[in-house]
Amino acid sequence: MNICDNRDIAGRKRKKLTAHEKWQIFLETTAKDAPVGEILRRHGLYSSELTKIRRDVESAALAELGKKKYSRKPDQVSREEYEKIRTELSAKVKALAQMGEEYLILKKKTD
């Protein structure tokens, strides 16, 4: 018997569950007073498969909650645009320094 052919011990072909089906099974089995054995039989699953589904749901939830959805991503600019902005900033810094000097001169004259 090939291990990778999705067959159970009795030789039946096992259906691969979709993410939505796994989510539904998870919800059914976590409901209060849910008959877990009955749910597993209805879906043709073993308890070990339910354990794996629960583990998958937990890891997916933790991964999703760990994302920073609302954090701002840094803007990507070209090298040319960067140099242009840098030159502009340098000119403004020089102008601000000159205005500061002029302010000090005017303040000395008024005192």
C-alpha atoms as a PDB file:
ATOM      1  CA  MET A   1       0.000   0.000   0.000  1.00  0.00           C
ATOM      2  CA  ASN A   2       1.376   3.389  -1.014  1.00  0.00           C
ATOM      3  CA  ILE A   3       1.407   5.910   1.847  1.00  0.00           C
ATOM      4  CA  CYS A   4       0.793   8.900  -0.428  1.00  0.00           C
ATOM      5  CA  ASP A   5      -2.354   7.715  -2.228  1.00  0.00           C
ATOM      6  CA  ASN A   6      -4.951   9.164   0.236  1.00  0.00           C
ATOM      7  CA  ARG A   7      -6.402   5.767   1.159  1.00  0.00           C
ATOM      8  CA  ASP A   8      -7.408   4.793   4.677  1.00  0.00           C
ATOM      9  CA  ILE A   9      -6.667   1.458   6.346  1.00  0.00           C
ATOM     10  CA  ALA A  10      -9.733  -0.226   4.810  1.00  0.00           C
ATOM     11  CA  GLY A  11      -8.524   0.766   1.349  1.00  0.00           C
ATOM     12  CA  ARG A  12     -11.243   3.333   0.673  1.00  0.00           C
ATOM     13  CA  LYS A  13     -10.286   6.457  -1.239  1.00  0.00           C
ATOM     14  CA  ARG A  14     -10.285   9.425   1.172  1.00  0.00           C
ATOM     15  CA  LYS A  15     -11.712  12.732   0.069  1.00  0.00           C
ATOM     16  CA  LYS A  16      -9.404  15.725   0.488  1.00  0.00           C
ATOM     17  CA  LEU A  17     -11.260  18.318   2.528  1.00  0.00           C
ATOM     18  CA  THR A  18     -11.356  21.935   1.420  1.00  0.00           C
ATOM     19  CA  ALA A  19     -10.500  24.741   3.821  1.00  0.00           C
ATOM     20  CA  HIS A  20     -14.197  25.635   4.009  1.00  0.00           C
ATOM     21  CA  GLU A  21     -15.171  22.042   4.915  1.00  0.00           C
ATOM     22  CA  LYS A  22     -12.479  21.936   7.603  1.00  0.00           C
ATOM     23  CA  TRP A  23     -13.751  25.221   9.006  1.00  0.00           C
ATOM     24  CA  GLN A  24     -17.328  23.889   9.106  1.00  0.00           C
ATOM     25  CA  ILE A  25     -16.196  20.719  10.899  1.00  0.00           C
ATOM     26  CA  PHE A  26     -14.223  22.837  13.367  1.00  0.00           C
ATOM     27  CA  LEU A  27     -17.277  25.003  14.073  1.00  0.00           C
ATOM     28  CA  GLU A  28     -19.571  21.981  14.491  1.00  0.00           C
ATOM     29  CA  THR A  29     -17.231  20.228  16.905  1.00  0.00           C
ATOM     30  CA  THR A  30     -16.530  23.289  19.035  1.00  0.00           C
ATOM     31  CA  ALA A  31     -20.205  24.025  19.663  1.00  0.00           C
ATOM     32  CA  LYS A  32     -21.372  23.447  23.236  1.00  0.00           C
ATOM     33  CA  ASP A  33     -22.470  19.829  23.853  1.00  0.00           C
ATOM     34  CA  ALA A  34     -21.645  18.863  20.252  1.00  0.00           C
ATOM     35  CA  PRO A  35     -21.654  15.100  19.599  1.00  0.00           C
ATOM     36  CA  VAL A  36     -18.078  14.994  18.298  1.00  0.00           C
ATOM     37  CA  GLY A  37     -18.089  11.269  17.524  1.00  0.00           C
ATOM     38  CA  GLU A  38     -21.269  11.588  15.482  1.00  0.00           C
ATOM     39  CA  ILE A  39     -19.883  14.549  13.546  1.00  0.00           C
ATOM     40  CA  LEU A  40     -16.657  12.684  12.799  1.00  0.00           C
ATOM     41  CA  ARG A  41     -18.554   9.585  11.616  1.00  0.00           C
ATOM     42  CA  ARG A  42     -20.783  11.703   9.387  1.00  0.00           C
ATOM     43  CA  HIS A  43     -17.714  13.211   7.721  1.00  0.00           C
ATOM     44  CA  GLY A  44     -15.771   9.937   7.732  1.00  0.00           C
ATOM     45  CA  LEU A  45     -12.964  11.321   9.884  1.00  0.00           C
ATOM     46  CA  TYR A  46     -10.862  10.045  12.754  1.00  0.00           C
ATOM     47  CA  SER A  47     -10.173  11.955  15.959  1.00  0.00           C
ATOM     48  CA  SER A  48      -6.541  12.419  14.907  1.00  0.00           C
ATOM     49  CA  GLU A  49      -7.750  14.253  11.796  1.00  0.00           C
ATOM     50  CA  LEU A  50      -9.907  16.520  13.963  1.00  0.00           C
ATOM     51  CA  THR A  51      -6.859  17.249  16.107  1.00  0.00           C
ATOM     52  CA  LYS A  52      -4.942  18.246  12.967  1.00  0.00           C
ATOM     53  CA  ILE A  53      -7.843  20.455  11.815  1.00  0.00           C
ATOM     54  CA  ARG A  54      -7.908  22.183  15.212  1.00  0.00           C
ATOM     55  CA  ARG A  55      -4.140  22.692  15.091  1.00  0.00           C
ATOM     56  CA  ASP A  56      -4.383  24.114  11.555  1.00  0.00           C
ATOM     57  CA  VAL A  57      -7.161  26.506  12.575  1.00  0.00           C
ATOM     58  CA  GLU A  58      -5.171  27.698  15.570  1.00  0.00           C
ATOM     59  CA  SER A  59      -1.973  28.296  13.593  1.00  0.00           C
ATOM     60  CA  ALA A  60      -3.853  30.076  10.792  1.00  0.00           C
ATOM     61  CA  ALA A  61      -5.666  32.296  13.282  1.00  0.00           C
ATOM     62  CA  LEU A  62      -2.437  33.186  15.071  1.00  0.00           C
ATOM     63  CA  ALA A  63      -0.709  33.940  11.765  1.00  0.00           C
ATOM     64  CA  GLU A  64      -3.589  36.162  10.639  1.00  0.00           C
ATOM     65  CA  LEU A  65      -3.810  37.971  13.961  1.00  0.00           C
ATOM     66  CA  GLY A  66      -0.076  38.529  13.948  1.00  0.00           C
ATOM     67  CA  LYS A  67      -0.195  40.517  10.713  1.00  0.00           C
ATOM     68  CA  LYS A  68      -0.113  44.273  10.919  1.00  0.00           C
ATOM     69  CA  LYS A  69      -2.859  45.050   8.460  1.00  0.00           C
ATOM     70  CA  TYR A  70      -3.120  48.727   9.215  1.00  0.00           C
ATOM     71  CA  SER A  71       0.540  49.628   9.400  1.00  0.00           C
ATOM     72  CA  ARG A  72       1.730  51.945   6.683  1.00  0.00           C
ATOM     73  CA  LYS A  73       4.066  50.398   4.192  1.00  0.00           C
ATOM     74  CA  PRO A  74       7.070  52.461   3.186  1.00  0.00           C
ATOM     75  CA  ASP A  75       6.658  54.153  -0.172  1.00  0.00           C
ATOM     76  CA  GLN A  76       8.946  53.010  -2.946  1.00  0.00           C
ATOM     77  CA  VAL A  77      10.547  55.833  -4.917  1.00  0.00           C
ATOM     78  CA  SER A  78      13.000  55.767  -7.772  1.00  0.00           C
ATOM     79  CA  ARG A  79      16.609  56.813  -7.269  1.00  0.00           C
ATOM     80  CA  GLU A  80      16.020  59.869  -9.459  1.00  0.00           C
ATOM     81  CA  GLU A  81      13.032  60.978  -7.357  1.00  0.00           C
ATOM     82  CA  TYR A  82      15.022  60.369  -4.174  1.00  0.00           C
ATOM     83  CA  GLU A  83      17.870  62.599  -5.355  1.00  0.00           C
ATOM     84  CA  LYS A  84      15.402  65.326  -6.374  1.00  0.00           C
ATOM     85  CA  ILE A  85      13.733  65.263  -2.933  1.00  0.00           C
ATOM     86  CA  ARG A  86      17.108  65.210  -1.206  1.00  0.00           C
ATOM     87  CA  THR A  87      18.284  68.287  -3.141  1.00  0.00           C
ATOM     88  CA  GLU A  88      15.032  70.080  -2.336  1.00  0.00           C
ATOM     89  CA  LEU A  89      15.409  69.260   1.354  1.00  0.00           C
ATOM     90  CA  SER A  90      18.987  70.515   1.384  1.00  0.00           C
ATOM     91  CA  ALA A  91      17.900  73.827  -0.176  1.00  0.00           C
ATOM     92  CA  LYS A  92      15.136  74.225   2.424  1.00  0.00           C
ATOM     93  CA  VAL A  93      17.526  73.479   5.300  1.00  0.00           C
ATOM     94  CA  LYS A  94      19.915  76.188   4.014  1.00  0.00           C
ATOM     95  CA  ALA A  95      17.041  78.677   3.642  1.00  0.00           C
ATOM     96  CA  LEU A  96      15.844  77.911   7.177  1.00  0.00           C
ATOM     97  CA  ALA A  97      19.365  78.434   8.574  1.00  0.00           C
ATOM     98  CA  GLN A  98      19.619  81.773   6.749  1.00  0.00           C
ATOM     99  CA  MET A  99      16.215  82.867   8.102  1.00  0.00           C
ATOM    100  CA  GLY A 100      17.371  81.920  11.605  1.00  0.00           C
ATOM    101  CA  GLU A 101      20.464  84.089  11.249  1.00  0.00           C
ATOM    102  CA  GLU A 102      18.372  87.001   9.975  1.00  0.00           C
ATOM    103  CA  TYR A 103      15.991  86.587  12.897  1.00  0.00           C
ATOM    104  CA  LEU A 104      18.868  86.766  15.390  1.00  0.00           C
ATOM    105  CA  ILE A 105      20.230  89.917  13.710  1.00  0.00           C
ATOM    106  CA  LEU A 106      16.780  91.585  13.847  1.00  0.00           C
ATOM    107  CA  LYS A 107      16.339  90.548  17.480  1.00  0.00           C
ATOM    108  CA  LYS A 108      19.702  92.125  18.413  1.00  0.00           C
ATOM    109  CA  LYS A 109      18.727  95.382  16.666  1.00  0.00           C
ATOM    110  CA  THR A 110      15.387  95.608  18.530  1.00  0.00           C
ATOM    111  CA  ASP A 111      16.907  94.937  21.977  1.00  0.00           C
END
